[in-house]
Amino acid sequence: MSGSLSRAAAALLRWGRGAGGGGLRGPGVRTAGSGGGGGGSAEQLDALVKKDKVVVFLKGTPEQPQCGFSNAVVQILRLHGVRNYAAYNVLDDPQLRQGIKDYSNWPTIPQVYLNGEFVGGCDILLQMHQNGDLVEELKKLGIRSALLDEKKDQDSK
């Protein structure tokens, strides 16, 4: 990870652990187990990534991420006000953990999917957040980033 990306990730992680860090789970966040029966088949994974507009495979849950990169992804989504997404804990199912890596041809977790398309991991999502691409991608999904409202509030002051 480049120096600026790692500094930004560290800042997000510190922010996420600060005051109010316990209320990460919005009303629409759905955490799901593996659903039983070998969560790693390509057909099952295809259905999972296409089931919701935003899907995240992470270590832990949005309420209790089990690694810093998963926490950073949750915090980025939270910053943008994305509350309605599916989150799958790969630590609950080794088949799901390996299966999603094979499905995406991406070796690491977390993994983010928007509208059934693989976006990337923490570093890619962080870069998209920093350069404004995430706002645009969310808009394509019909999701208005909360950062737009925050910017509008600052501009009106």
Protein backbone atom coordinates (compact mmCIF):
# COMPACT_ATOMS: atom_id res chain seq x y z
CA MET A 1 0.00 0.00 0.00
CA SER A 2 1.41 3.42 -0.86
CA GLY A 3 2.31 5.84 1.92
CA SER A 4 -0.71 8.09 1.41
CA LEU A 5 -3.09 5.12 1.23
CA SER A 6 -1.69 3.59 4.39
CA ARG A 7 -1.91 6.94 6.24
CA ALA A 8 -5.51 7.38 5.11
CA ALA A 9 -6.35 3.81 6.12
CA ALA A 10 -4.76 4.36 9.52
CA ALA A 11 -6.78 7.56 9.98
CA LEU A 12 -9.98 5.73 9.07
CA LEU A 13 -9.16 2.96 11.51
CA ARG A 14 -8.50 5.44 14.32
CA TRP A 15 -11.72 7.29 13.49
CA GLY A 16 -13.69 4.03 13.49
CA ARG A 17 -12.48 3.13 16.98
CA GLY A 18 -13.30 6.55 18.40
CA ALA A 19 -16.46 7.74 20.05
CA GLY A 20 -19.57 6.27 18.57
CA GLY A 21 -17.71 3.40 16.93
CA GLY A 22 -20.13 0.88 18.37
CA GLY A 23 -23.08 1.92 16.24
CA LEU A 24 -21.74 0.69 12.92
CA ARG A 25 -24.67 -1.43 12.03
CA GLY A 26 -27.23 0.63 10.24
CA PRO A 27 -30.83 -0.48 9.91
CA GLY A 28 -30.25 -1.98 6.45
CA VAL A 29 -26.99 -3.85 7.03
CA ARG A 30 -27.63 -7.53 6.74
CA THR A 31 -25.00 -9.85 8.05
CA ALA A 32 -25.26 -13.36 6.78
CA GLY A 33 -23.63 -16.60 7.64
CA SER A 34 -22.55 -18.91 4.92
CA GLY A 35 -26.12 -20.06 4.45
CA GLY A 36 -25.06 -23.66 4.99
CA GLY A 37 -24.06 -26.22 2.45
CA GLY A 38 -20.73 -25.22 0.96
CA GLY A 39 -20.76 -21.48 0.47
CA GLY A 40 -17.95 -21.65 -2.04
CA SER A 41 -19.53 -22.84 -5.30
CA ALA A 42 -19.40 -20.43 -8.23
CA GLU A 43 -23.19 -20.58 -8.66
CA GLN A 44 -23.84 -19.78 -5.01
CA LEU A 45 -21.30 -16.95 -5.02
CA ASP A 46 -22.74 -15.54 -8.23
CA ALA A 47 -26.16 -15.44 -6.56
CA LEU A 48 -24.74 -13.80 -3.41
CA VAL A 49 -22.90 -11.00 -5.21
CA LYS A 50 -25.93 -10.21 -7.37
CA LYS A 51 -28.51 -10.40 -4.59
CA ASP A 52 -27.88 -6.86 -3.27
CA LYS A 53 -26.59 -3.61 -4.76
CA VAL A 54 -23.67 -3.56 -2.30
CA VAL A 55 -22.11 -6.79 -1.06
CA VAL A 56 -19.04 -7.09 1.15
CA PHE A 57 -17.12 -10.23 2.08
CA LEU A 58 -15.12 -9.44 5.19
CA LYS A 59 -13.38 -10.90 8.19
CA GLY A 60 -15.86 -10.48 11.00
CA THR A 61 -19.06 -8.47 10.86
CA PRO A 62 -19.74 -4.77 10.30
CA GLU A 63 -20.32 -4.46 14.06
CA GLN A 64 -17.10 -6.31 14.89
CA PRO A 65 -14.62 -6.41 12.03
CA GLN A 66 -11.81 -8.85 12.76
CA CYS A 67 -9.11 -7.10 10.74
CA GLY A 68 -8.13 -3.52 10.05
CA PHE A 69 -8.82 -3.74 6.33
CA SER A 70 -12.35 -5.03 6.88
CA ASN A 71 -12.88 -2.26 9.43
CA ALA A 72 -11.69 0.35 6.92
CA VAL A 73 -14.19 -0.90 4.31
CA VAL A 74 -17.02 -0.73 6.84
CA GLN A 75 -15.96 2.79 7.85
CA ILE A 76 -15.79 4.00 4.24
CA LEU A 77 -19.30 2.69 3.58
CA ARG A 78 -20.45 4.33 6.79
CA LEU A 79 -18.90 7.67 5.79
CA HIS A 80 -20.90 7.55 2.58
CA GLY A 81 -24.07 6.67 4.45
CA VAL A 82 -24.37 3.25 2.80
CA ARG A 83 -26.64 1.42 5.20
CA ASN A 84 -28.34 -1.13 2.99
CA TYR A 85 -25.78 -3.78 2.13
CA ALA A 86 -25.09 -7.46 2.64
CA ALA A 87 -22.03 -8.48 4.62
CA TYR A 88 -20.67 -12.02 4.67
CA ASN A 89 -18.23 -13.13 7.35
CA VAL A 90 -15.67 -15.37 5.65
CA LEU A 91 -14.29 -16.48 9.01
CA ASP A 92 -17.49 -18.47 9.55
CA ASP A 93 -16.92 -20.67 6.51
CA PRO A 94 -13.54 -21.73 5.08
CA GLN A 95 -15.24 -22.76 1.82
CA LEU A 96 -16.74 -19.29 1.43
CA ARG A 97 -13.37 -17.70 2.25
CA GLN A 98 -11.52 -19.63 -0.43
CA GLY A 99 -14.45 -19.71 -2.83
CA ILE A 100 -14.81 -15.93 -3.03
CA LYS A 101 -11.08 -15.58 -3.67
CA ASP A 102 -11.34 -18.06 -6.54
CA TYR A 103 -14.54 -16.46 -7.85
CA SER A 104 -13.02 -12.98 -8.07
CA ASN A 105 -9.46 -14.10 -8.80
CA TRP A 106 -8.46 -11.72 -6.00
CA PRO A 107 -6.29 -13.15 -3.21
CA THR A 108 -7.37 -11.06 -0.24
CA ILE A 109 -10.33 -10.23 1.97
CA PRO A 110 -12.26 -7.92 2.23
CA GLN A 111 -13.90 -7.89 -1.18
CA VAL A 112 -16.50 -5.37 -2.31
CA TYR A 113 -19.10 -5.88 -5.05
CA LEU A 114 -21.30 -3.13 -6.47
CA ASN A 115 -24.28 -4.23 -8.54
CA GLY A 116 -22.80 -7.71 -8.94
CA GLU A 117 -19.44 -6.41 -10.18
CA PHE A 118 -16.22 -6.95 -8.28
CA VAL A 119 -14.72 -3.60 -7.26
CA GLY A 120 -11.72 -4.68 -5.22
CA GLY A 121 -10.51 -4.70 -1.67
CA CYS A 122 -9.79 -2.09 0.97
CA ASP A 123 -7.07 -0.31 -1.01
CA ILE A 124 -9.24 0.09 -4.11
CA LEU A 125 -12.28 1.25 -2.12
CA LEU A 126 -10.12 3.72 -0.20
CA GLN A 127 -8.69 5.09 -3.44
CA MET A 128 -12.20 5.42 -4.91
CA HIS A 129 -13.29 7.24 -1.75
CA GLN A 130 -10.33 9.63 -1.95
CA ASN A 131 -10.68 10.50 -5.64
CA GLY A 132 -14.49 10.78 -5.67
CA ASP A 133 -15.15 7.71 -7.82
CA LEU A 134 -17.08 5.99 -5.04
CA VAL A 135 -19.63 8.83 -4.96
CA GLU A 136 -20.18 8.36 -8.70
CA GLU A 137 -20.42 4.56 -8.50
CA LEU A 138 -22.94 4.79 -5.67
CA LYS A 139 -24.95 7.29 -7.69
CA LYS A 140 -25.17 4.73 -10.53
CA LEU A 141 -26.76 2.35 -8.00
CA GLY A 142 -29.27 4.96 -6.89
CA ILE A 143 -27.44 5.55 -3.61
CA ARG A 144 -26.75 9.16 -2.68
CA SER A 145 -23.49 9.51 -0.78
CA ALA A 146 -23.87 11.22 2.58
CA LEU A 147 -20.67 13.10 1.76
CA LEU A 148 -22.60 15.10 -0.84
CA ASP A 149 -25.00 16.28 1.85
CA GLU A 150 -22.11 17.07 4.18
CA LYS A 151 -20.40 19.13 1.45
CA LYS A 152 -23.65 20.97 0.74
CA ASP A 153 -23.99 21.80 4.45
CA GLN A 154 -20.43 23.15 4.55
CA ASP A 155 -20.99 25.23 1.42
CA SER A 156 -24.09 26.84 2.89
CA LYS A 157 -22.22 28.06 5.99
